Amino acid sequence: MIRKDGKNFAIVSDSRGNVRWLPVGHRFKDAEITTITDKAVTFHQWEINTTNRSIFRTITKTFKREEGKR
C-alpha cells in the first residue's frame, strides 16, 4: 500500500511481472476494490457470467511484507 495525495493505492503485480498502483474503485472483470488499508485490500467479487453486481462475496487479502523489512 502506498498513500499519495491523500489516497490509498494497492501496489500489485500480475503473473507477467507488471506492477501497477490501483485505487479504491478500480474494477476488474469480476470484482472491484472497495477498501485499502495499511494491512489489506478488500474486494467485492461477483459471478463473472452475470450483470447483477448486488450479489457479491467479500474477499480480503493481507499485504505481504517486503523481504528483510521489519
PDB file of N, CA and C in Angstrom:
ATOM      1  N   MET A   1       0.849  -1.176   0.000  1.00  0.00           N
ATOM      2  CA  MET A   1       0.000   0.000   0.000  1.00  0.00           C
ATOM      3  C   MET A   1       0.886   1.228   0.000  1.00  0.00           C
ATOM      4  N   ILE A   2       0.460   2.201  -0.745  1.00  0.00           N
ATOM      5  CA  ILE A   2       1.140   3.491  -0.745  1.00  0.00           C
ATOM      6  C   ILE A   2       0.072   4.570  -0.663  1.00  0.00           C
ATOM      7  N   ARG A   3       0.417   5.658   0.006  1.00  0.00           N
ATOM      8  CA  ARG A   3      -0.517   6.780   0.146  1.00  0.00           C
ATOM      9  C   ARG A   3       0.054   7.955  -0.631  1.00  0.00           C
ATOM     10  N   LYS A   4      -0.742   8.502  -1.558  1.00  0.00           N
ATOM     11  CA  LYS A   4      -0.294   9.646  -2.349  1.00  0.00           C
ATOM     12  C   LYS A   4      -1.459  10.608  -2.527  1.00  0.00           C
ATOM     13  N   ASP A   5      -1.218  11.874  -2.274  1.00  0.00           N
ATOM     14  CA  ASP A   5      -2.242  12.915  -2.415  1.00  0.00           C
ATOM     15  C   ASP A   5      -3.518  12.579  -1.643  1.00  0.00           C
ATOM     16  N   GLY A   6      -3.361  11.974  -0.461  1.00  0.00           N
ATOM     17  CA  GLY A   6      -4.496  11.649   0.392  1.00  0.00           C
ATOM     18  C   GLY A   6      -5.267  10.407  -0.019  1.00  0.00           C
ATOM     19  N   LYS A   7      -4.798   9.687  -1.036  1.00  0.00           N
ATOM     20  CA  LYS A   7      -5.466   8.463  -1.490  1.00  0.00           C
ATOM     21  C   LYS A   7      -4.582   7.261  -1.235  1.00  0.00           C
ATOM     22  N   ASN A   8      -5.227   6.133  -0.904  1.00  0.00           N
ATOM     23  CA  ASN A   8      -4.505   4.868  -0.742  1.00  0.00           C
ATOM     24  C   ASN A   8      -4.527   4.103  -2.057  1.00  0.00           C
ATOM     25  N   PHE A   9      -3.392   3.494  -2.384  1.00  0.00           N
ATOM     26  CA  PHE A   9      -3.269   2.657  -3.573  1.00  0.00           C
ATOM     27  C   PHE A   9      -2.701   1.310  -3.169  1.00  0.00           C
ATOM     28  N   ALA A  10      -3.217   0.251  -3.793  1.00  0.00           N
ATOM     29  CA  ALA A  10      -2.639  -1.079  -3.614  1.00  0.00           C
ATOM     30  C   ALA A  10      -1.620  -1.260  -4.735  1.00  0.00           C
ATOM     31  N   ILE A  11      -0.422  -1.675  -4.381  1.00  0.00           N
ATOM     32  CA  ILE A  11       0.600  -1.950  -5.380  1.00  0.00           C
ATOM     33  C   ILE A  11       0.548  -3.443  -5.656  1.00  0.00           C
ATOM     34  N   VAL A  12       0.223  -3.792  -6.891  1.00  0.00           N
ATOM     35  CA  VAL A  12       0.030  -5.199  -7.246  1.00  0.00           C
ATOM     36  C   VAL A  12       0.890  -5.555  -8.446  1.00  0.00           C
ATOM     37  N   SER A  13       1.259  -6.832  -8.513  1.00  0.00           N
ATOM     38  CA  SER A  13       1.968  -7.334  -9.689  1.00  0.00           C
ATOM     39  C   SER A  13       1.183  -8.511 -10.246  1.00  0.00           C
ATOM     40  N   ASP A  14       1.142  -8.606 -11.569  1.00  0.00           N
ATOM     41  CA  ASP A  14       0.411  -9.696 -12.190  1.00  0.00           C
ATOM     42  C   ASP A  14       1.361 -10.843 -12.533  1.00  0.00           C
ATOM     43  N   SER A  15       0.829 -11.866 -13.166  1.00  0.00           N
ATOM     44  CA  SER A  15       1.622 -13.063 -13.475  1.00  0.00           C
ATOM     45  C   SER A  15       2.736 -12.790 -14.474  1.00  0.00           C
ATOM     46  N   ARG A  16       2.642 -11.694 -15.202  1.00  0.00           N
ATOM     47  CA  ARG A  16       3.689 -11.326 -16.166  1.00  0.00           C
ATOM     48  C   ARG A  16       4.765 -10.435 -15.554  1.00  0.00           C
ATOM     49  N   GLY A  17       4.579 -10.076 -14.279  1.00  0.00           N
ATOM     50  CA  GLY A  17       5.555  -9.226 -13.601  1.00  0.00           C
ATOM     51  C   GLY A  17       5.274  -7.743 -13.736  1.00  0.00           C
ATOM     52  N   ASN A  18       4.145  -7.370 -14.336  1.00  0.00           N
ATOM     53  CA  ASN A  18       3.771  -5.957 -14.449  1.00  0.00           C
ATOM     54  C   ASN A  18       3.303  -5.448 -13.096  1.00  0.00           C
ATOM     55  N   VAL A  19       3.766  -4.271 -12.701  1.00  0.00           N
ATOM     56  CA  VAL A  19       3.403  -3.680 -11.411  1.00  0.00           C
ATOM     57  C   VAL A  19       2.539  -2.451 -11.668  1.00  0.00           C
ATOM     58  N   ARG A  20       1.435  -2.346 -10.920  1.00  0.00           N
ATOM     59  CA  ARG A  20       0.515  -1.214 -11.059  1.00  0.00           C
ATOM     60  C   ARG A  20       0.073  -0.717  -9.696  1.00  0.00           C
ATOM     61  N   TRP A  21      -0.291   0.563  -9.632  1.00  0.00           N
ATOM     62  CA  TRP A  21      -0.910   1.160  -8.450  1.00  0.00           C
ATOM     63  C   TRP A  21      -2.405   1.203  -8.731  1.00  0.00           C
ATOM     64  N   LEU A  22      -3.209   0.583  -7.876  1.00  0.00           N
ATOM     65  CA  LEU A  22      -4.649   0.529  -8.090  1.00  0.00           C
ATOM     66  C   LEU A  22      -5.386   1.222  -6.942  1.00  0.00           C
ATOM     67  N   PRO A  23      -6.308   2.145  -7.245  1.00  0.00           N
ATOM     68  CA  PRO A  23      -7.051   2.867  -6.210  1.00  0.00           C
ATOM     69  C   PRO A  23      -8.340   2.150  -5.829  1.00  0.00           C
ATOM     70  N   VAL A  24      -8.964   2.607  -4.750  1.00  0.00           N
ATOM     71  CA  VAL A  24     -10.303   2.142  -4.391  1.00  0.00           C
ATOM     72  C   VAL A  24     -11.220   2.493  -5.559  1.00  0.00           C
ATOM     73  N   GLY A  25     -12.087   1.555  -5.924  1.00  0.00           N
ATOM     74  CA  GLY A  25     -12.992   1.765  -7.039  1.00  0.00           C
ATOM     75  C   GLY A  25     -12.505   1.134  -8.330  1.00  0.00           C
ATOM     76  N   HIS A  26     -11.239   0.672  -8.357  1.00  0.00           N
ATOM     77  CA  HIS A  26     -10.724   0.029  -9.567  1.00  0.00           C
ATOM     78  C   HIS A  26     -11.526  -1.233  -9.840  1.00  0.00           C
ATOM     79  N   ARG A  27     -11.978  -1.394 -11.091  1.00  0.00           N
ATOM     80  CA  ARG A  27     -12.790  -2.553 -11.461  1.00  0.00           C
ATOM     81  C   ARG A  27     -11.988  -3.541 -12.292  1.00  0.00           C
ATOM     82  N   PHE A  28     -12.188  -4.801 -11.948  1.00  0.00           N
ATOM     83  CA  PHE A  28     -11.665  -5.913 -12.718  1.00  0.00           C
ATOM     84  C   PHE A  28     -12.835  -6.520 -13.477  1.00  0.00           C
ATOM     85  N   LYS A  29     -12.591  -7.588 -14.199  1.00  0.00           N
ATOM     86  CA  LYS A  29     -13.653  -8.263 -14.950  1.00  0.00           C
ATOM     87  C   LYS A  29     -14.775  -8.737 -14.028  1.00  0.00           C
ATOM     88  N   ASP A  30     -14.423  -9.200 -12.828  1.00  0.00           N
ATOM     89  CA  ASP A  30     -15.418  -9.768 -11.916  1.00  0.00           C
ATOM     90  C   ASP A  30     -15.324  -9.231 -10.494  1.00  0.00           C
ATOM     91  N   ALA A  31     -14.677  -8.078 -10.306  1.00  0.00           N
ATOM     92  CA  ALA A  31     -14.506  -7.563  -8.944  1.00  0.00           C
ATOM     93  C   ALA A  31     -14.229  -6.063  -8.961  1.00  0.00           C
ATOM     94  N   GLU A  32     -14.303  -5.480  -7.759  1.00  0.00           N
ATOM     95  CA  GLU A  32     -13.999  -4.072  -7.579  1.00  0.00           C
ATOM     96  C   GLU A  32     -13.302  -3.898  -6.229  1.00  0.00           C
ATOM     97  N   ILE A  33     -12.260  -3.071  -6.183  1.00  0.00           N
ATOM     98  CA  ILE A  33     -11.578  -2.772  -4.921  1.00  0.00           C
ATOM     99  C   ILE A  33     -12.475  -1.836  -4.120  1.00  0.00           C
ATOM    100  N   THR A  34     -12.780  -2.228  -2.879  1.00  0.00           N
ATOM    101  CA  THR A  34     -13.670  -1.413  -2.045  1.00  0.00           C
ATOM    102  C   THR A  34     -12.944  -0.704  -0.907  1.00  0.00           C
ATOM    103  N   THR A  35     -11.861  -1.293  -0.405  1.00  0.00           N
ATOM    104  CA  THR A  35     -11.133  -0.699   0.716  1.00  0.00           C
ATOM    105  C   THR A  35      -9.650  -1.036   0.604  1.00  0.00           C
ATOM    106  N   ILE A  36      -8.801  -0.050   0.926  1.00  0.00           N
ATOM    107  CA  ILE A  36      -7.356  -0.288   1.026  1.00  0.00           C
ATOM    108  C   ILE A  36      -6.890   0.306   2.339  1.00  0.00           C
ATOM    109  N   THR A  37      -6.308  -0.525   3.198  1.00  0.00           N
ATOM    110  CA  THR A  37      -5.723  -0.060   4.453  1.00  0.00           C
ATOM    111  C   THR A  37      -4.229  -0.366   4.426  1.00  0.00           C
ATOM    112  N   ASP A  38      -3.533  -0.028   5.498  1.00  0.00           N
ATOM    113  CA  ASP A  38      -2.101  -0.331   5.542  1.00  0.00           C
ATOM    114  C   ASP A  38      -1.832  -1.821   5.720  1.00  0.00           C
ATOM    115  N   LYS A  39      -2.859  -2.607   6.029  1.00  0.00           N
ATOM    116  CA  LYS A  39      -2.681  -4.039   6.254  1.00  0.00           C
ATOM    117  C   LYS A  39      -3.285  -4.934   5.175  1.00  0.00           C
ATOM    118  N   ALA A  40      -4.301  -4.443   4.438  1.00  0.00           N
ATOM    119  CA  ALA A  40      -5.003  -5.324   3.496  1.00  0.00           C
ATOM    120  C   ALA A  40      -5.762  -4.536   2.436  1.00  0.00           C
ATOM    121  N   VAL A  41      -6.172  -5.256   1.415  1.00  0.00           N
ATOM    122  CA  VAL A  41      -7.053  -4.720   0.376  1.00  0.00           C
ATOM    123  C   VAL A  41      -8.299  -5.608   0.340  1.00  0.00           C
ATOM    124  N   THR A  42      -9.474  -4.973   0.192  1.00  0.00           N
ATOM    125  CA  THR A  42     -10.737  -5.707   0.183  1.00  0.00           C
ATOM    126  C   THR A  42     -11.432  -5.501  -1.165  1.00  0.00           C
ATOM    127  N   PHE A  43     -11.958  -6.611  -1.692  1.00  0.00           N
ATOM    128  CA  PHE A  43     -12.662  -6.618  -2.973  1.00  0.00           C
ATOM    129  C   PHE A  43     -14.087  -7.079  -2.770  1.00  0.00           C
ATOM    130  N   HIS A  44     -14.979  -6.653  -3.659  1.00  0.00           N
ATOM    131  CA  HIS A  44     -16.279  -7.282  -3.825  1.00  0.00           C
ATOM    132  C   HIS A  44     -16.187  -8.040  -5.133  1.00  0.00           C
ATOM    133  N   GLN A  45     -16.465  -9.338  -5.093  1.00  0.00           N
ATOM    134  CA  GLN A  45     -16.385 -10.173  -6.290  1.00  0.00           C
ATOM    135  C   GLN A  45     -17.753 -10.744  -6.603  1.00  0.00           C
ATOM    136  N   TRP A  46     -18.164 -10.646  -7.858  1.00  0.00           N
ATOM    137  CA  TRP A  46     -19.448 -11.162  -8.288  1.00  0.00           C
ATOM    138  C   TRP A  46     -19.243 -12.256  -9.320  1.00  0.00           C
ATOM    139  N   GLU A  47     -20.308 -12.954  -9.632  1.00  0.00           N
ATOM    140  CA  GLU A  47     -20.270 -14.018 -10.640  1.00  0.00           C
ATOM    141  C   GLU A  47     -19.931 -13.394 -11.989  1.00  0.00           C
ATOM    142  N   ILE A  48     -18.970 -13.962 -12.674  1.00  0.00           N
ATOM    143  CA  ILE A  48     -18.476 -13.387 -13.928  1.00  0.00           C
ATOM    144  C   ILE A  48     -19.523 -13.419 -15.044  1.00  0.00           C
ATOM    145  N   ASN A  49     -20.467 -14.346 -14.981  1.00  0.00           N
ATOM    146  CA  ASN A  49     -21.460 -14.502 -16.045  1.00  0.00           C
ATOM    147  C   ASN A  49     -22.758 -13.743 -15.792  1.00  0.00           C
ATOM    148  N   THR A  50     -22.737 -12.761 -14.913  1.00  0.00           N
ATOM    149  CA  THR A  50     -23.950 -12.000 -14.619  1.00  0.00           C
ATOM    150  C   THR A  50     -23.660 -10.507 -14.630  1.00  0.00           C
ATOM    151  N   THR A  51     -24.706  -9.733 -14.848  1.00  0.00           N
ATOM    152  CA  THR A  51     -24.579  -8.275 -14.753  1.00  0.00           C
ATOM    153  C   THR A  51     -25.093  -7.781 -13.407  1.00  0.00           C
ATOM    154  N   ASN A  52     -25.641  -8.670 -12.590  1.00  0.00           N
ATOM    155  CA  ASN A  52     -26.162  -8.325 -11.267  1.00  0.00           C
ATOM    156  C   ASN A  52     -25.006  -8.237 -10.280  1.00  0.00           C
ATOM    157  N   ARG A  53     -24.606  -7.017  -9.953  1.00  0.00           N
ATOM    158  CA  ARG A  53     -23.475  -6.828  -9.042  1.00  0.00           C
ATOM    159  C   ARG A  53     -23.913  -6.601  -7.600  1.00  0.00           C
ATOM    160  N   SER A  54     -25.225  -6.740  -7.341  1.00  0.00           N
ATOM    161  CA  SER A  54     -25.710  -6.576  -5.969  1.00  0.00           C
ATOM    162  C   SER A  54     -25.481  -7.854  -5.155  1.00  0.00           C
ATOM    163  N   ILE A  55     -25.214  -8.965  -5.821  1.00  0.00           N
ATOM    164  CA  ILE A  55     -24.895 -10.217  -5.136  1.00  0.00           C
ATOM    165  C   ILE A  55     -23.400 -10.451  -5.317  1.00  0.00           C
ATOM    166  N   PHE A  56     -22.660 -10.365  -4.220  1.00  0.00           N
ATOM    167  CA  PHE A  56     -21.204 -10.483  -4.296  1.00  0.00           C
ATOM    168  C   PHE A  56     -20.670 -11.157  -3.052  1.00  0.00           C
ATOM    169  N   ARG A  57     -19.414 -11.551  -3.110  1.00  0.00           N
ATOM    170  CA  ARG A  57     -18.729 -12.021  -1.909  1.00  0.00           C
ATOM    171  C   ARG A  57     -17.588 -11.060  -1.635  1.00  0.00           C
ATOM    172  N   THR A  58     -17.253 -10.920  -0.379  1.00  0.00           N
ATOM    173  CA  THR A  58     -16.190 -10.011   0.033  1.00  0.00           C
ATOM    174  C   THR A  58     -14.917 -10.804   0.256  1.00  0.00           C
ATOM    175  N   ILE A  59     -13.827 -10.354  -0.352  1.00  0.00           N
ATOM    176  CA  ILE A  59     -12.526 -11.008  -0.236  1.00  0.00           C
ATOM    177  C   ILE A  59     -11.534 -10.001   0.308  1.00  0.00           C
ATOM    178  N   THR A  60     -10.806 -10.378   1.350  1.00  0.00           N
ATOM    179  CA  THR A  60      -9.764  -9.531   1.917  1.00  0.00           C
ATOM    180  C   THR A  60      -8.427 -10.234   1.777  1.00  0.00           C
ATOM    181  N   LYS A  61      -7.474  -9.544   1.183  1.00  0.00           N
ATOM    182  CA  LYS A  61      -6.114 -10.071   1.015  1.00  0.00           C
ATOM    183  C   LYS A  61      -5.162  -9.189   1.811  1.00  0.00           C
ATOM    184  N   THR A  62      -4.441  -9.806   2.737  1.00  0.00           N
ATOM    185  CA  THR A  62      -3.468  -9.047   3.517  1.00  0.00           C
ATOM    186  C   THR A  62      -2.205  -8.839   2.690  1.00  0.00           C
ATOM    187  N   PHE A  63      -1.562  -7.710   2.915  1.00  0.00           N
ATOM    188  CA  PHE A  63      -0.337  -7.393   2.192  1.00  0.00           C
ATOM    189  C   PHE A  63       0.812  -8.219   2.722  1.00  0.00           C
ATOM    190  N   LYS A  64       1.719  -8.597   1.835  1.00  0.00           N
ATOM    191  CA  LYS A  64       2.930  -9.317   2.225  1.00  0.00           C
ATOM    192  C   LYS A  64       4.003  -8.305   2.550  1.00  0.00           C
ATOM    193  N   ARG A  65       4.749  -8.596   3.595  1.00  0.00           N
ATOM    194  CA  ARG A  65       5.859  -7.723   3.952  1.00  0.00           C
ATOM    195  C   ARG A  65       6.988  -7.902   2.975  1.00  0.00           C
ATOM    196  N   GLU A  66       7.734  -6.818   2.740  1.00  0.00           N
ATOM    197  CA  GLU A  66       8.910  -6.921   1.872  1.00  0.00           C
ATOM    198  C   GLU A  66       9.984  -7.712   2.603  1.00  0.00           C
ATOM    199  N   GLU A  67      10.748  -8.471   1.850  1.00  0.00           N
ATOM    200  CA  GLU A  67      11.838  -9.261   2.432  1.00  0.00           C
ATOM    201  C   GLU A  67      12.831  -8.344   3.132  1.00  0.00           C
ATOM    202  N   GLY A  68      13.253  -8.733   4.318  1.00  0.00           N
ATOM    203  CA  GLY A  68      14.282  -8.001   5.045  1.00  0.00           C
ATOM    204  C   GLY A  68      13.786  -6.790   5.799  1.00  0.00           C
ATOM    205  N   LYS A  69      12.517  -6.424   5.704  1.00  0.00           N
ATOM    206  CA  LYS A  69      11.991  -5.266   6.447  1.00  0.00           C
ATOM    207  C   LYS A  69      11.270  -5.733   7.678  1.00  0.00           C
ATOM    208  N   ARG A  70      11.305  -4.945   8.726  1.00  0.00           N
ATOM    209  CA  ARG A  70      10.642  -5.267   9.984  1.00  0.00           C
ATOM    210  C   ARG A  70       9.791  -4.129  10.439  1.00  0.00           C
TER     211      ARG A  70
END
